[in-house]
Amino acid sequence: MEFDKLREVIADVLNVDPNEVTPETTFMEDLGADSLDVFQIVMRIEEAFEIEIPADKAEHITTVGEAVALIKSSRS
């Protein structure tokens, strides 16, 4: 469930096809995101999942799968 919702957030922020987004997809290399894009994605994740992601953890998110794991750990 987290992945599908996250995929929609990413597709919306980066204006990409949701089908391009897989757990192995990297934000910068595969999707062409820059640091501002990643920041916007983190903000949208916090809003969509009603969680808070510490800045030190957000800086180390490079793949969609890592973002899903962080969402799951923040919700438990």
N, C-alpha and C. Protein backbone atom coordinates (compact mmCIF):
# COMPACT_ATOMS: atom_id res chain seq x y z
N MET A 1 0.82 -1.19 0.00
CA MET A 1 0.00 0.00 0.00
C MET A 1 0.87 1.27 0.00
N GLU A 2 1.91 1.28 0.84
CA GLU A 2 2.78 2.44 0.89
C GLU A 2 3.40 2.72 -0.48
N PHE A 3 3.82 1.64 -1.14
CA PHE A 3 4.49 1.81 -2.43
C PHE A 3 3.58 2.47 -3.46
N ASP A 4 2.34 2.03 -3.56
CA ASP A 4 1.42 2.59 -4.56
C ASP A 4 1.17 4.07 -4.31
N LYS A 5 0.96 4.42 -3.05
CA LYS A 5 0.72 5.81 -2.70
C LYS A 5 1.98 6.64 -2.96
N LEU A 6 3.13 6.11 -2.60
CA LEU A 6 4.39 6.80 -2.82
C LEU A 6 4.65 6.99 -4.31
N ARG A 7 4.37 5.97 -5.09
CA ARG A 7 4.58 6.05 -6.54
C ARG A 7 3.76 7.20 -7.13
N GLU A 8 2.54 7.39 -6.66
CA GLU A 8 1.71 8.49 -7.15
C GLU A 8 2.30 9.84 -6.76
N VAL A 9 2.80 9.95 -5.53
CA VAL A 9 3.43 11.19 -5.07
C VAL A 9 4.63 11.52 -5.95
N ILE A 10 5.49 10.54 -6.16
CA ILE A 10 6.69 10.74 -6.97
C ILE A 10 6.33 11.13 -8.40
N ALA A 11 5.39 10.41 -8.99
CA ALA A 11 4.97 10.70 -10.36
C ALA A 11 4.43 12.12 -10.48
N ASP A 12 3.69 12.55 -9.47
CA ASP A 12 3.11 13.89 -9.49
C ASP A 12 4.19 14.96 -9.36
N VAL A 13 5.09 14.79 -8.41
CA VAL A 13 6.14 15.80 -8.19
C VAL A 13 7.09 15.88 -9.38
N LEU A 14 7.48 14.74 -9.91
CA LEU A 14 8.49 14.72 -10.98
C LEU A 14 7.89 14.68 -12.38
N ASN A 15 6.56 14.61 -12.45
CA ASN A 15 5.87 14.57 -13.74
C ASN A 15 6.39 13.42 -14.61
N VAL A 16 6.40 12.22 -14.01
CA VAL A 16 6.82 11.01 -14.73
C VAL A 16 5.68 10.00 -14.72
N ASP A 17 5.77 9.02 -15.58
CA ASP A 17 4.80 7.94 -15.63
C ASP A 17 4.96 7.09 -14.37
N PRO A 18 3.88 6.85 -13.62
CA PRO A 18 3.98 6.03 -12.41
C PRO A 18 4.58 4.64 -12.68
N ASN A 19 4.42 4.13 -13.89
CA ASN A 19 4.96 2.81 -14.22
C ASN A 19 6.48 2.81 -14.29
N GLU A 20 7.10 3.99 -14.38
CA GLU A 20 8.56 4.10 -14.37
C GLU A 20 9.13 3.93 -12.97
N VAL A 21 8.26 4.04 -11.96
CA VAL A 21 8.71 4.05 -10.57
C VAL A 21 8.59 2.63 -10.00
N THR A 22 9.75 2.06 -9.65
CA THR A 22 9.81 0.74 -9.02
C THR A 22 10.59 0.89 -7.72
N PRO A 23 10.58 -0.13 -6.85
CA PRO A 23 11.36 -0.02 -5.61
C PRO A 23 12.85 0.20 -5.86
N GLU A 24 13.36 -0.26 -6.99
CA GLU A 24 14.79 -0.13 -7.28
C GLU A 24 15.13 1.21 -7.93
N THR A 25 14.13 1.97 -8.33
CA THR A 25 14.35 3.24 -9.01
C THR A 25 15.06 4.23 -8.10
N THR A 26 16.10 4.88 -8.65
CA THR A 26 16.77 5.94 -7.89
C THR A 26 16.17 7.28 -8.29
N PHE A 27 16.09 8.17 -7.30
CA PHE A 27 15.48 9.47 -7.56
C PHE A 27 16.31 10.31 -8.52
N MET A 28 17.59 10.39 -8.26
CA MET A 28 18.43 11.29 -9.07
C MET A 28 18.87 10.67 -10.38
N GLU A 29 19.42 9.46 -10.34
CA GLU A 29 19.95 8.86 -11.56
C GLU A 29 18.84 8.42 -12.52
N ASP A 30 17.85 7.69 -12.01
CA ASP A 30 16.81 7.14 -12.89
C ASP A 30 15.72 8.15 -13.25
N LEU A 31 15.33 8.99 -12.29
CA LEU A 31 14.21 9.89 -12.51
C LEU A 31 14.64 11.33 -12.78
N GLY A 32 15.93 11.60 -12.66
CA GLY A 32 16.44 12.94 -12.96
C GLY A 32 16.09 14.00 -11.93
N ALA A 33 15.78 13.58 -10.71
CA ALA A 33 15.43 14.54 -9.66
C ALA A 33 16.68 15.26 -9.17
N ASP A 34 16.50 16.52 -8.79
CA ASP A 34 17.58 17.24 -8.13
C ASP A 34 17.26 17.33 -6.64
N SER A 35 18.12 17.98 -5.88
CA SER A 35 17.92 18.01 -4.43
C SER A 35 16.61 18.71 -4.04
N LEU A 36 16.20 19.70 -4.79
CA LEU A 36 14.94 20.38 -4.50
C LEU A 36 13.76 19.44 -4.75
N ASP A 37 13.83 18.67 -5.83
CA ASP A 37 12.78 17.69 -6.12
C ASP A 37 12.66 16.68 -4.98
N VAL A 38 13.80 16.19 -4.52
CA VAL A 38 13.79 15.20 -3.43
C VAL A 38 13.19 15.82 -2.17
N PHE A 39 13.54 17.07 -1.89
CA PHE A 39 12.97 17.77 -0.75
C PHE A 39 11.45 17.87 -0.88
N GLN A 40 10.97 18.20 -2.08
CA GLN A 40 9.52 18.29 -2.29
C GLN A 40 8.85 16.92 -2.12
N ILE A 41 9.51 15.87 -2.57
CA ILE A 41 8.97 14.52 -2.40
C ILE A 41 8.87 14.18 -0.92
N VAL A 42 9.92 14.49 -0.16
CA VAL A 42 9.90 14.22 1.29
C VAL A 42 8.76 14.98 1.96
N MET A 43 8.58 16.24 1.58
CA MET A 43 7.48 17.04 2.15
C MET A 43 6.13 16.40 1.83
N ARG A 44 5.95 15.96 0.60
CA ARG A 44 4.69 15.34 0.20
C ARG A 44 4.49 14.00 0.90
N ILE A 45 5.58 13.25 1.11
CA ILE A 45 5.49 11.98 1.85
C ILE A 45 5.00 12.26 3.27
N GLU A 46 5.58 13.26 3.91
CA GLU A 46 5.18 13.60 5.29
C GLU A 46 3.70 13.94 5.34
N GLU A 47 3.24 14.69 4.36
CA GLU A 47 1.83 15.09 4.30
C GLU A 47 0.92 13.89 4.00
N ALA A 48 1.27 13.11 3.00
CA ALA A 48 0.42 12.00 2.55
C ALA A 48 0.32 10.88 3.59
N PHE A 49 1.42 10.64 4.29
CA PHE A 49 1.44 9.52 5.24
C PHE A 49 1.33 9.97 6.69
N GLU A 50 1.21 11.29 6.89
CA GLU A 50 1.08 11.86 8.23
C GLU A 50 2.20 11.40 9.15
N ILE A 51 3.43 11.56 8.66
CA ILE A 51 4.61 11.21 9.42
C ILE A 51 5.59 12.37 9.35
N GLU A 52 6.63 12.29 10.18
CA GLU A 52 7.71 13.27 10.12
C GLU A 52 9.00 12.53 9.86
N ILE A 53 9.72 12.97 8.85
CA ILE A 53 10.98 12.34 8.49
C ILE A 53 12.11 13.27 8.91
N PRO A 54 12.96 12.81 9.83
CA PRO A 54 14.08 13.66 10.26
C PRO A 54 15.00 13.99 9.08
N ALA A 55 15.51 15.21 9.07
CA ALA A 55 16.35 15.68 7.96
C ALA A 55 17.55 14.77 7.73
N ASP A 56 18.15 14.26 8.81
CA ASP A 56 19.34 13.42 8.64
C ASP A 56 19.00 12.11 7.93
N LYS A 57 17.78 11.61 8.12
CA LYS A 57 17.36 10.40 7.40
C LYS A 57 16.95 10.73 5.97
N ALA A 58 16.30 11.85 5.78
CA ALA A 58 15.84 12.25 4.44
C ALA A 58 17.02 12.44 3.49
N GLU A 59 18.15 12.90 4.01
CA GLU A 59 19.32 13.14 3.17
C GLU A 59 19.88 11.87 2.55
N HIS A 60 19.60 10.73 3.17
CA HIS A 60 20.20 9.47 2.73
C HIS A 60 19.27 8.61 1.88
N ILE A 61 18.10 9.12 1.54
CA ILE A 61 17.17 8.37 0.70
C ILE A 61 17.62 8.50 -0.76
N THR A 62 17.97 7.37 -1.37
CA THR A 62 18.38 7.42 -2.77
C THR A 62 17.45 6.63 -3.68
N THR A 63 16.75 5.62 -3.13
CA THR A 63 15.85 4.82 -3.96
C THR A 63 14.43 4.87 -3.42
N VAL A 64 13.51 4.49 -4.27
CA VAL A 64 12.11 4.43 -3.86
C VAL A 64 11.92 3.40 -2.76
N GLY A 65 12.62 2.27 -2.87
CA GLY A 65 12.54 1.23 -1.84
C GLY A 65 12.99 1.73 -0.48
N GLU A 66 14.04 2.54 -0.44
CA GLU A 66 14.50 3.11 0.82
C GLU A 66 13.44 4.03 1.41
N ALA A 67 12.75 4.78 0.55
CA ALA A 67 11.69 5.67 1.01
C ALA A 67 10.54 4.86 1.61
N VAL A 68 10.18 3.75 0.96
CA VAL A 68 9.12 2.88 1.49
C VAL A 68 9.51 2.34 2.86
N ALA A 69 10.75 1.88 3.00
CA ALA A 69 11.22 1.35 4.28
C ALA A 69 11.17 2.43 5.36
N LEU A 70 11.55 3.64 5.01
CA LEU A 70 11.52 4.74 5.97
C LEU A 70 10.07 5.07 6.38
N ILE A 71 9.17 5.04 5.42
CA ILE A 71 7.76 5.28 5.73
C ILE A 71 7.26 4.21 6.70
N LYS A 72 7.56 2.96 6.41
CA LYS A 72 7.10 1.86 7.28
C LYS A 72 7.68 2.00 8.67
N SER A 73 8.96 2.33 8.79
CA SER A 73 9.57 2.44 10.11
C SER A 73 9.06 3.65 10.88
N SER A 74 8.67 4.69 10.16
CA SER A 74 8.14 5.90 10.81
C SER A 74 6.72 5.71 11.30
N ARG A 75 6.02 4.75 10.73
CA ARG A 75 4.63 4.50 11.11
C ARG A 75 4.51 3.51 12.25
N SER A 76 5.58 2.82 12.58
CA SER A 76 5.45 1.79 13.64
C SER A 76 5.89 2.30 14.98
